[in-house]
């Protein structure tokens, strides 16, 4: 909006000053040339009459006999009744013909020294109308030119606003993928960008809501069925050892349902908590070391390669959650090693976490970042036969109580959401060194130093 305001002020001021100056030069040229040519005949007439009357004994008698039907009118007045500025008085006293314009029209005035009178020749109306017509034309050109310039300035703005309106209408009608193309020279680039961000968030929330409903109905169906079966079986048995076994199974199913509900609620609240979080400078190298320090039992598998430092704007808590989820994901699927690397270049910082597991097939890399996508039956298995899972979204490096390692497919979805809030990008590939999956998170606008400060 600042660019819009400044450009509007600049266009209006430049238009007024530029048009005003150009028309003033045109009018001055007209007055200096055309007007002089138009008055030349009347100047000669006024000088001739003035010289004649100046030598006559009774100039008043001659003026009184001037024909009333003539196009020009003559009049005499005392010089004392004809005030002039000091700058013009000397030339007028020397016999200069003075052309004046007043409410009565245009007149030529000549000083009669011998009688101390001023001879005034009133010009006919056509010449007066011609001067007024010229002023009217120039005034119309000024306002018309100003209007055209402002309309030329408004056209791209109106065109972008119409595009924004059409896109908003499409989005409101249910086309959630509708976006407005941001132009480099648009006056409302900020509004267009924010609209696209808002639309992307709404689309993500709607899709997550659909996935959440599907996940709840799917994941809760199994433990509920087991609970119903366990309760029915418990009611049909009277043996104490059997009842104890069924109670333990029911308790396990309840714990599984509780863990699922907590995970779903945590993911649903993530967007709100991210929006209300405040971004502060976070030292990535220190945060990564802190996260790695939590994994005491798997310390031998983790290798941190860092030859620089980097500071990004973000939330320390959620960046820790992002790094922990990626480390958990690597540990879950690594055979013997997980490598964490921090690099910087061109004002960006890259955190790369790779493992020596089975990796992720290229055709499925986009899917693994979606919530509730565990990749059952689609993703590669490790050497021990486990499915490639996507974590449980815990920020402290611990699991959510699921001992089977399957989780609910929320870990990488949370990573994607946190990265999006930090304006970071995530790419998934194959590690050239370890051969397994490689996740690279690229953060913009970093401040980096050399390794001597580590």
Protein backbone atom coordinates (compact mmCIF):
# COMPACT_ATOMS: atom_id res chain seq x y z
CA UNK A 1 0.00 0.00 0.00
CA UNK A 2 2.94 2.34 0.53
CA UNK A 3 3.91 2.00 -3.14
CA UNK A 4 0.31 2.71 -4.16
CA UNK A 5 0.14 5.89 -2.07
CA UNK A 6 3.52 7.17 -3.17
CA UNK A 7 2.84 6.50 -6.85
CA UNK A 8 -0.54 8.27 -6.63
CA UNK A 9 1.01 11.35 -5.02
CA UNK A 10 3.84 11.35 -7.56
CA UNK A 11 1.48 11.06 -10.54
CA UNK A 12 -0.84 13.83 -9.31
CA UNK A 13 1.98 16.24 -8.43
CA UNK A 14 3.91 15.54 -11.62
CA UNK A 15 0.76 15.92 -13.73
CA UNK A 16 -0.24 19.24 -12.18
CA UNK A 17 3.26 20.72 -12.31
CA UNK A 18 4.10 19.36 -15.76
CA UNK A 19 0.81 20.25 -17.43
CA UNK A 20 0.68 23.62 -15.72
CA UNK A 21 4.18 24.50 -16.87
CA UNK A 22 3.58 23.31 -20.44
CA UNK A 23 0.31 25.21 -20.79
CA UNK A 24 1.80 28.31 -19.21
CA UNK A 25 4.58 28.25 -21.78
CA UNK A 26 2.01 27.80 -24.54
CA UNK A 27 -0.12 30.69 -23.31
CA UNK A 28 2.92 32.91 -22.87
CA UNK A 29 3.95 32.12 -26.43
CA UNK A 30 0.46 32.93 -27.64
CA UNK A 31 0.36 36.23 -25.78
CA UNK A 32 3.90 37.09 -26.88
CA UNK A 33 3.33 36.38 -30.59
CA UNK A 34 -0.24 35.98 -31.74
CA UNK A 35 -1.64 38.56 -29.34
CA UNK A 36 1.01 41.11 -30.31
CA UNK A 37 0.23 40.56 -33.97
CA UNK A 38 -3.48 40.95 -33.31
CA UNK A 39 -2.94 44.25 -31.44
CA UNK A 40 -0.36 45.72 -33.88
CA UNK A 41 -2.99 47.54 -35.94
CA UNK A 42 -4.67 48.93 -32.86
CA UNK A 43 -1.32 49.95 -31.37
CA UNK A 44 -0.59 51.97 -34.52
CA UNK A 45 -4.08 53.52 -34.39
CA UNK A 46 -3.71 54.42 -30.71
CA UNK A 47 -0.29 56.00 -31.25
CA UNK A 48 -1.53 58.02 -34.23
CA UNK A 49 -4.57 59.27 -32.36
CA UNK A 50 -2.50 59.98 -29.29
CA UNK A 51 0.07 62.03 -31.20
CA UNK A 52 -2.70 63.96 -32.94
CA UNK A 53 -4.65 64.68 -29.75
CA UNK A 54 -1.50 65.53 -27.84
CA UNK A 55 -0.87 68.46 -30.20
CA UNK A 56 -4.49 69.56 -30.45
CA UNK A 57 -5.93 72.27 -28.23
CA UNK A 58 -9.13 70.45 -27.28
CA UNK A 59 -8.74 66.62 -27.35
CA UNK A 60 -11.94 66.17 -25.38
CA UNK A 61 -14.00 67.65 -28.21
CA UNK A 62 -12.49 65.15 -30.67
CA UNK A 63 -13.25 62.18 -28.37
CA UNK A 64 -16.82 63.36 -27.85
CA UNK A 65 -17.35 63.36 -31.62
CA UNK A 66 -16.02 59.77 -31.97
CA UNK A 67 -18.73 57.63 -33.65
CA UNK A 68 -20.70 55.60 -31.13
CA UNK A 69 -21.37 52.89 -33.68
CA UNK A 70 -17.64 52.24 -34.13
CA UNK A 71 -16.26 48.85 -33.06
CA UNK A 72 -13.68 50.66 -30.94
CA UNK A 73 -14.44 53.23 -28.28
CA UNK A 74 -12.32 56.20 -27.21
CA UNK A 75 -12.21 57.79 -23.78
CA UNK A 76 -10.06 60.26 -21.83
CA UNK A 77 -9.32 60.38 -18.15
CA UNK A 78 -7.02 62.24 -15.84
CA UNK A 79 -3.69 60.55 -15.21
CA UNK A 80 -4.26 60.84 -11.49
CA UNK A 81 -7.22 58.51 -11.96
CA UNK A 82 -5.05 55.98 -13.83
CA UNK A 83 -2.82 54.35 -11.19
CA UNK A 84 0.06 52.15 -12.36
CA UNK A 85 2.80 50.15 -10.67
CA UNK A 86 6.09 51.96 -10.34
CA UNK A 87 7.84 49.55 -12.72
CA UNK A 88 5.40 50.35 -15.54
CA UNK A 89 4.99 54.09 -14.90
CA UNK A 90 8.31 55.18 -16.43
CA UNK A 91 7.69 53.37 -19.73
CA UNK A 92 4.13 54.67 -19.86
CA UNK A 93 5.28 58.24 -19.30
CA UNK A 94 7.76 57.88 -22.19
CA UNK A 95 4.90 57.13 -24.60
CA UNK A 96 4.78 53.31 -24.43
CA UNK A 97 1.42 51.85 -25.46
CA UNK A 98 0.07 49.92 -22.49
CA UNK A 99 -2.24 46.94 -23.11
CA UNK A 100 -4.46 46.17 -20.11
CA UNK A 101 -7.11 43.57 -19.43
CA UNK A 102 -9.86 44.20 -16.92
CA UNK A 103 -13.42 43.20 -16.24
CA UNK A 104 -14.56 45.51 -19.04
CA UNK A 105 -12.28 43.84 -21.59
CA UNK A 106 -8.96 44.63 -23.31
CA UNK A 107 -7.85 48.25 -23.79
CA UNK A 108 -4.84 50.12 -25.22
CA UNK A 109 -3.72 53.19 -23.25
CA UNK A 110 -1.52 56.10 -24.33
CA UNK A 111 -0.31 59.06 -22.24
CA UNK A 112 -0.92 62.59 -23.59
CA UNK A 113 1.87 64.60 -21.98
CA UNK A 114 0.71 68.04 -23.10
CA UNK A 115 -2.71 67.62 -21.49
CA UNK A 116 -1.77 65.17 -18.66
CA UNK A 117 -4.54 62.85 -19.88
CA UNK A 118 -4.70 59.16 -20.67
CA UNK A 119 -6.25 58.11 -24.00
CA UNK A 120 -7.97 54.71 -23.79
CA UNK A 121 -8.92 52.69 -26.85
CA UNK A 122 -11.36 49.92 -25.94
CA UNK A 123 -10.97 46.95 -28.29
CA UNK A 124 -13.93 45.31 -29.97
CA UNK A 125 -15.47 42.19 -28.33
CA UNK A 126 -14.19 39.66 -30.93
CA UNK A 127 -10.61 40.14 -29.76
CA UNK A 128 -11.68 39.87 -26.15
CA UNK A 129 -13.65 36.74 -26.92
CA UNK A 130 -10.62 35.30 -28.70
CA UNK A 131 -8.45 35.77 -25.61
CA UNK A 132 -11.15 34.32 -23.38
CA UNK A 133 -11.56 31.42 -25.77
CA UNK A 134 -7.83 30.72 -25.62
CA UNK A 135 -7.94 30.66 -21.83
CA UNK A 136 -10.92 28.33 -21.92
CA UNK A 137 -9.17 25.97 -24.32
CA UNK A 138 -6.02 25.85 -22.20
CA UNK A 139 -8.06 25.28 -19.04
CA UNK A 140 -9.93 22.42 -20.71
CA UNK A 141 -6.65 20.94 -21.94
CA UNK A 142 -5.22 21.13 -18.41
CA UNK A 143 -8.09 19.31 -16.71
CA UNK A 144 -8.53 16.89 -19.60
CA UNK A 145 -4.82 16.01 -19.62
CA UNK A 146 -4.85 15.59 -15.84
CA UNK A 147 -7.85 13.27 -16.09
CA UNK A 148 -6.22 11.19 -18.84
CA UNK A 149 -2.97 10.79 -16.88
CA UNK A 150 -4.83 9.70 -13.73
CA UNK A 151 -6.94 7.25 -15.75
CA UNK A 152 -3.78 5.81 -17.29
CA UNK A 153 -2.43 5.36 -13.77
CA UNK A 154 -5.70 3.84 -12.54
CA UNK A 155 -6.06 1.34 -15.37
CA UNK A 156 -3.49 -1.24 -14.14
CA UNK A 157 -4.81 -0.83 -10.59
CA UNK A 158 -8.41 -1.43 -11.66
CA UNK A 159 -7.32 -4.39 -13.78
CA UNK A 160 -5.51 -5.98 -10.82
CA UNK A 161 -8.49 -5.30 -8.54
CA UNK A 162 -10.84 -6.96 -11.02
CA UNK A 163 -8.54 -9.98 -11.18
CA UNK A 164 -8.48 -10.09 -7.40
CA UNK A 165 -12.28 -9.90 -7.30
CA UNK A 166 -12.68 -12.70 -9.87
CA UNK A 167 -10.19 -14.89 -8.01
CA UNK A 168 -11.95 -14.23 -4.70
CA UNK A 169 -15.30 -15.15 -6.28
CA UNK A 170 -13.85 -18.39 -7.67
CA UNK A 171 -12.35 -19.20 -4.29
CA UNK A 172 -15.64 -18.44 -2.56
CA UNK A 173 -17.52 -20.69 -4.97
CA UNK A 174 -15.43 -23.68 -3.90
CA UNK A 175 -12.40 -23.58 -6.21
CA UNK A 176 -9.92 -23.62 -3.38
CA UNK A 177 -6.93 -23.83 -5.73
CA UNK A 178 -7.75 -20.41 -7.25
CA UNK A 179 -4.82 -18.00 -6.91
CA UNK A 180 -4.06 -14.57 -8.35
CA UNK A 181 -0.86 -14.20 -10.33
CA UNK A 182 1.28 -11.57 -8.64
CA UNK A 183 2.69 -8.95 -10.98
CA UNK A 184 6.07 -7.34 -10.56
CA UNK A 185 4.76 -3.83 -11.22
CA UNK A 186 1.44 -4.22 -9.43
CA UNK A 187 0.38 -1.49 -7.01
CA UNK A 188 -1.16 -4.08 -4.67
CA UNK A 189 1.50 -6.78 -4.61
CA UNK A 190 1.28 -7.04 -0.81
CA UNK A 191 -2.49 -7.60 -0.94
CA UNK A 192 -2.16 -10.19 -3.72
CA UNK A 193 0.56 -12.05 -1.83
CA UNK A 194 -1.41 -12.06 1.41
CA UNK A 195 -4.52 -13.23 -0.43
CA UNK A 196 -2.61 -16.16 -1.91
CA UNK A 197 -1.20 -17.03 1.52
CA UNK A 198 -4.65 -16.83 3.07
CA UNK A 199 -6.12 -18.97 0.30
CA UNK A 200 -3.35 -21.55 0.70
CA UNK A 201 -3.94 -21.73 4.46
CA UNK A 202 -7.69 -22.10 4.04
CA UNK A 203 -7.20 -24.81 1.42
CA UNK A 204 -4.78 -26.61 3.71
CA UNK A 205 -7.17 -26.36 6.65
CA UNK A 206 -10.08 -27.70 4.59
CA UNK A 207 -7.98 -30.58 3.29
CA UNK A 208 -6.69 -31.33 6.78
CA UNK A 209 -10.26 -31.31 8.06
CA UNK A 210 -11.20 -33.90 5.46
CA UNK A 211 -8.14 -35.97 6.28
CA UNK A 212 -8.84 -35.60 10.00
CA UNK A 213 -12.37 -36.88 9.58
CA UNK A 214 -11.15 -39.78 7.48
CA UNK A 215 -8.33 -40.60 9.91
CA UNK A 216 -10.58 -40.48 12.96
CA UNK A 217 -13.18 -42.70 11.37
CA UNK A 218 -10.53 -45.11 10.13
CA UNK A 219 -8.14 -45.24 13.08
CA UNK A 220 -10.79 -45.27 15.79
CA UNK A 221 -12.83 -48.02 14.15
CA UNK A 222 -10.30 -50.76 14.97
CA UNK A 223 -9.78 -50.02 18.69
CA UNK A 224 -13.53 -49.42 19.14
CA UNK A 225 -14.30 -52.77 17.57
CA UNK A 226 -11.74 -54.43 19.85
CA UNK A 227 -13.22 -52.65 22.86
CA UNK A 228 -16.73 -53.81 21.98
CA UNK A 229 -15.49 -57.34 21.44
CA UNK A 230 -13.49 -57.22 24.70
CA UNK A 231 -16.44 -55.95 26.70
CA UNK A 232 -18.74 -58.61 25.26
CA UNK A 233 -16.13 -61.31 25.98
CA UNK A 234 -15.57 -59.94 29.48
CA UNK A 235 -19.29 -60.16 30.22
CA UNK A 236 -19.40 -63.80 29.05
CA UNK A 237 -16.52 -65.09 31.17
CA UNK A 238 -16.32 -65.70 34.89
CA UNK A 239 -12.73 -66.97 35.09
CA UNK A 240 -10.53 -64.48 37.00
CA UNK A 241 -7.43 -65.07 34.86
CA UNK A 242 -9.40 -64.55 31.61
CA UNK A 243 -11.10 -61.42 32.95
CA UNK A 244 -7.68 -59.99 33.90
CA UNK A 245 -6.35 -60.68 30.40
CA UNK A 246 -9.37 -59.04 28.75
CA UNK A 247 -9.12 -56.03 31.06
CA UNK A 248 -5.48 -55.56 30.08
CA UNK A 249 -6.43 -55.67 26.39
CA UNK A 250 -9.22 -53.16 26.95
CA UNK A 251 -6.80 -50.88 28.80
CA UNK A 252 -4.31 -51.14 25.90
CA UNK A 253 -7.01 -50.21 23.40
CA UNK A 254 -8.04 -47.24 25.55
CA UNK A 255 -4.44 -46.05 25.71
CA UNK A 256 -4.19 -46.34 21.95
CA UNK A 257 -7.36 -44.32 21.47
CA UNK A 258 -6.16 -41.67 23.93
CA UNK A 259 -2.82 -41.38 22.14
CA UNK A 260 -4.58 -41.05 18.79
CA UNK A 261 -6.94 -38.35 20.05
CA UNK A 262 -4.04 -36.41 21.64
CA UNK A 263 -2.07 -36.56 18.40
CA UNK A 264 -5.03 -35.38 16.34
CA UNK A 265 -5.83 -32.54 18.73
CA UNK A 266 -2.19 -31.47 18.81
CA UNK A 267 -2.05 -31.31 15.03
CA UNK A 268 -5.37 -29.43 14.87
CA UNK A 269 -4.09 -26.81 17.33
CA UNK A 270 -0.75 -26.39 15.56
CA UNK A 271 -1.92 -23.72 13.11
CA UNK A 272 -3.38 -21.54 15.85
CA UNK A 273 -0.33 -21.80 18.08
CA UNK A 274 2.02 -21.05 15.17
CA UNK A 275 0.12 -17.90 14.18
CA UNK A 276 0.22 -16.55 17.74
CA UNK A 277 3.91 -17.34 18.19
CA UNK A 278 6.49 -14.56 18.05
CA UNK A 279 9.57 -14.90 15.86
CA UNK A 280 12.91 -14.29 17.53
CA UNK A 281 16.52 -14.85 16.42
CA UNK A 282 17.35 -18.55 16.80
CA UNK A 283 20.87 -19.97 16.50
CA UNK A 284 20.41 -23.08 14.42
CA UNK A 285 23.78 -24.66 15.19
CA UNK A 286 23.17 -24.42 18.95
CA UNK A 287 19.59 -25.68 18.64
CA UNK A 288 20.66 -28.71 16.59
CA UNK A 289 23.31 -29.63 19.16
CA UNK A 290 20.72 -29.33 21.91
CA UNK A 291 18.29 -31.59 20.06
CA UNK A 292 20.97 -34.21 19.35
CA UNK A 293 21.92 -34.22 23.03
CA UNK A 294 18.50 -35.65 23.93
CA UNK A 295 19.17 -38.95 22.16
CA UNK A 296 21.54 -40.60 24.60
CA UNK A 297 20.79 -44.20 23.63
CA UNK A 298 21.17 -43.51 19.90
CA UNK A 299 24.11 -41.09 20.20
CA UNK A 300 26.42 -43.44 18.31
CA UNK A 301 24.12 -43.32 15.28
CA UNK A 302 23.95 -39.51 15.10
CA UNK A 303 26.67 -37.52 13.32
CA UNK A 304 26.59 -33.69 13.20
CA UNK A 305 28.57 -31.99 10.43
CA UNK A 306 28.75 -28.23 11.05
CA UNK A 307 31.39 -25.83 9.76
CA UNK A 308 29.41 -22.61 10.11
CA UNK A 309 26.82 -20.88 12.25
CA UNK A 310 23.44 -19.54 11.21
CA UNK A 311 20.75 -17.46 12.87
CA UNK A 312 17.18 -17.43 11.58
CA UNK A 313 14.02 -15.66 12.67
CA UNK A 314 11.57 -18.10 14.18
CA UNK A 315 10.27 -19.92 17.23
CA UNK A 316 12.85 -21.86 19.22
CA UNK A 317 10.17 -24.31 20.40
CA UNK A 318 8.79 -25.16 16.98
CA UNK A 319 12.16 -25.26 15.26
CA UNK A 320 13.18 -27.79 17.90
CA UNK A 321 10.03 -29.76 17.09
CA UNK A 322 10.92 -29.68 13.39
CA UNK A 323 14.47 -30.91 13.94
CA UNK A 324 13.43 -33.56 16.46
CA UNK A 325 10.77 -34.97 14.17
CA UNK A 326 13.27 -35.27 11.32
CA UNK A 327 15.85 -36.89 13.63
CA UNK A 328 13.22 -39.34 14.94
CA UNK A 329 12.21 -40.15 11.40
CA UNK A 330 15.84 -40.84 10.48
CA UNK A 331 16.48 -42.97 13.57
CA UNK A 332 13.32 -44.96 12.97
CA UNK A 333 14.44 -46.03 9.51
CA UNK A 334 18.23 -45.94 9.67
CA UNK A 335 20.26 -49.11 9.80
CA UNK A 336 23.26 -47.66 11.59
CA UNK A 337 23.75 -43.95 10.89
CA UNK A 338 21.89 -40.63 10.74
CA UNK A 339 23.78 -37.55 9.55
CA UNK A 340 22.76 -33.96 10.38
CA UNK A 341 24.47 -31.23 8.38
CA UNK A 342 24.23 -27.41 8.61
CA UNK A 343 25.45 -25.34 5.65
CA UNK A 344 25.02 -21.70 4.58
CA UNK A 345 25.23 -19.94 1.23
CA UNK A 346 23.81 -16.79 -0.35
CA UNK A 347 21.98 -15.71 2.81
CA UNK A 348 20.22 -19.02 3.30
CA UNK A 349 20.79 -21.83 5.79
CA UNK A 350 20.25 -25.50 4.97
CA UNK A 351 19.65 -28.23 7.52
CA UNK A 352 20.07 -31.67 5.94
CA UNK A 353 19.14 -34.86 7.79
CA UNK A 354 19.86 -38.15 6.00
CA UNK A 355 19.96 -41.82 6.97
CA UNK A 356 21.26 -45.11 5.60
CA UNK A 357 17.84 -46.76 5.46
CA UNK A 358 15.77 -47.87 2.49
CA UNK A 359 14.87 -44.33 1.41
CA UNK A 360 11.63 -43.03 -0.09
CA UNK A 361 10.63 -43.79 -3.70
CA UNK A 362 10.59 -40.64 -5.81
CA UNK A 363 6.95 -41.02 -6.81
CA UNK A 364 5.89 -41.04 -3.13
CA UNK A 365 7.96 -38.13 -1.79
CA UNK A 366 5.13 -35.62 -2.08
CA UNK A 367 2.71 -37.90 -0.28
CA UNK A 368 4.86 -38.48 2.82
CA UNK A 369 4.49 -34.83 3.86
CA UNK A 370 0.71 -35.08 4.03
CA UNK A 371 -0.92 -35.69 7.41
CA UNK A 372 -2.22 -39.15 8.33
CA UNK A 373 -0.24 -40.72 5.50
CA UNK A 374 1.73 -43.67 6.89
CA UNK A 375 2.58 -45.18 3.53
CA UNK A 376 1.27 -48.64 4.45
CA UNK A 377 1.79 -51.00 1.59
CA UNK A 378 3.39 -48.30 -0.53
CA UNK A 379 6.64 -47.21 1.03
CA UNK A 380 9.81 -49.22 1.17
CA UNK A 381 10.65 -51.42 4.08
CA UNK A 382 13.83 -51.45 6.08
CA UNK A 383 15.97 -54.52 6.35
CA UNK A 384 13.97 -55.63 9.37
CA UNK A 385 10.69 -55.53 7.43
CA UNK A 386 9.18 -52.42 9.02
CA UNK A 387 7.13 -49.96 7.00
CA UNK A 388 8.62 -46.51 6.40
CA UNK A 389 6.65 -44.40 8.89
CA UNK A 390 6.30 -40.64 9.29
CA UNK A 391 6.64 -40.04 13.00
CA UNK A 392 4.28 -38.90 15.72
CA UNK A 393 4.97 -35.19 16.00
CA UNK A 394 6.47 -35.07 19.48
CA UNK A 395 8.82 -32.16 20.15
CA UNK A 396 10.85 -33.70 22.96
CA UNK A 397 12.28 -36.65 21.08
CA UNK A 398 9.98 -39.16 22.75
CA UNK A 399 7.30 -41.35 21.22
CA UNK A 400 3.60 -40.94 21.95
CA UNK A 401 3.24 -44.26 23.67
CA UNK A 402 3.03 -46.37 20.55
CA UNK A 403 5.38 -49.25 21.05
CA UNK A 404 4.89 -50.68 17.59
CA UNK A 405 6.64 -47.78 15.88
CA UNK A 406 3.75 -47.17 13.47
CA UNK A 407 2.56 -43.75 14.73
CA UNK A 408 -0.23 -41.81 13.07
CA UNK A 409 1.57 -40.20 10.12
CA UNK A 410 1.72 -36.70 11.64
CA UNK A 411 5.43 -36.12 12.22
CA UNK A 412 6.42 -35.03 8.72
CA UNK A 413 3.14 -33.16 8.27
CA UNK A 414 4.03 -31.11 11.35
CA UNK A 415 7.52 -30.56 9.91
CA UNK A 416 5.96 -29.20 6.71
CA UNK A 417 3.60 -26.90 8.60
CA UNK A 418 6.36 -25.48 10.81
CA UNK A 419 8.64 -24.96 7.80
CA UNK A 420 5.86 -23.14 5.96
CA UNK A 421 5.34 -20.76 8.90
CA UNK A 422 9.09 -20.04 8.92
CA UNK A 423 9.00 -19.41 5.13
CA UNK A 424 11.34 -22.36 4.67
CA UNK A 425 11.23 -24.98 1.92
CA UNK A 426 11.62 -28.75 2.26
CA UNK A 427 13.03 -31.08 -0.38
CA UNK A 428 13.24 -34.86 -0.18
CA UNK A 429 15.87 -36.82 -2.02
CA UNK A 430 18.32 -39.68 -1.76
CA UNK A 431 21.50 -39.26 0.25
CA UNK A 432 24.60 -39.54 -1.89
CA UNK A 433 26.70 -40.50 1.15
CA UNK A 434 24.40 -42.83 3.11
CA UNK A 435 22.04 -44.02 0.40
CA UNK A 436 18.84 -43.51 2.37
CA UNK A 437 16.30 -40.69 2.59
CA UNK A 438 17.57 -37.10 2.77
CA UNK A 439 15.46 -34.21 4.03
CA UNK A 440 16.75 -30.69 3.35
CA UNK A 441 15.15 -27.66 5.04
CA UNK A 442 16.20 -24.31 3.54
CA UNK A 443 15.71 -21.20 5.69
CA UNK A 444 15.89 -17.71 4.16
CA UNK A 445 17.44 -14.50 5.51
CA UNK A 446 20.15 -15.94 7.69
CA UNK A 447 23.07 -14.35 9.47
CA UNK A 448 26.15 -16.54 9.37
CA UNK A 449 29.71 -16.48 10.70
CA UNK A 450 32.72 -18.73 10.30
CA UNK A 451 33.46 -21.89 12.23
CA UNK A 452 35.79 -20.11 14.66
CA UNK A 453 32.80 -18.92 16.65
CA UNK A 454 31.42 -22.42 17.16
